[in-house]
């Protein structure tokens, strides 16, 4: 329970209702704490509760072109997946994050548009070139990669 605090709560996954939950995680530059506040206020005004929130300060980005961490503040919010209007609310918050020069954590993503990946990850084209060099037959794919346009749909469908 030290590394996974919710495991100390019996049947914690049922807190979110029958449709489960999503984790929404993003990062914004250090000087954009105003966006953190605006995101929290937006969810609060919409009546969206988060049973678990984590705020971390991140250091410099590594060399990988599609790596999430970059210098800034990352906020993770757990929320019920069955909330009416959640998709529209998340799209609105996505715009705030991207307009601030931020991006979303793709490993936890369940909703962002393909354009958000290209906008949030400035080295996206470099990653695509690496992908093509390492996987010329287009064998490596996933539902996430298909949804976000990380794989070429014309290759190895």
Foldseek 3Di string as FASTA:
>chain_A
DVVDVLVVPPPSQPVQPDQGKAKWKKWFAAVVVVLVVVLVVLCVVVVWDFPDKDKDAFDDDDDDQQDQTHGGIMMMGITRPPDPPVLVSVVVSLCSQLVRLMATDLVRDDHDALVRSCSNRVCLVVVLVVCCVVCVQQPDDDPSCVRNVVGDPVHPD
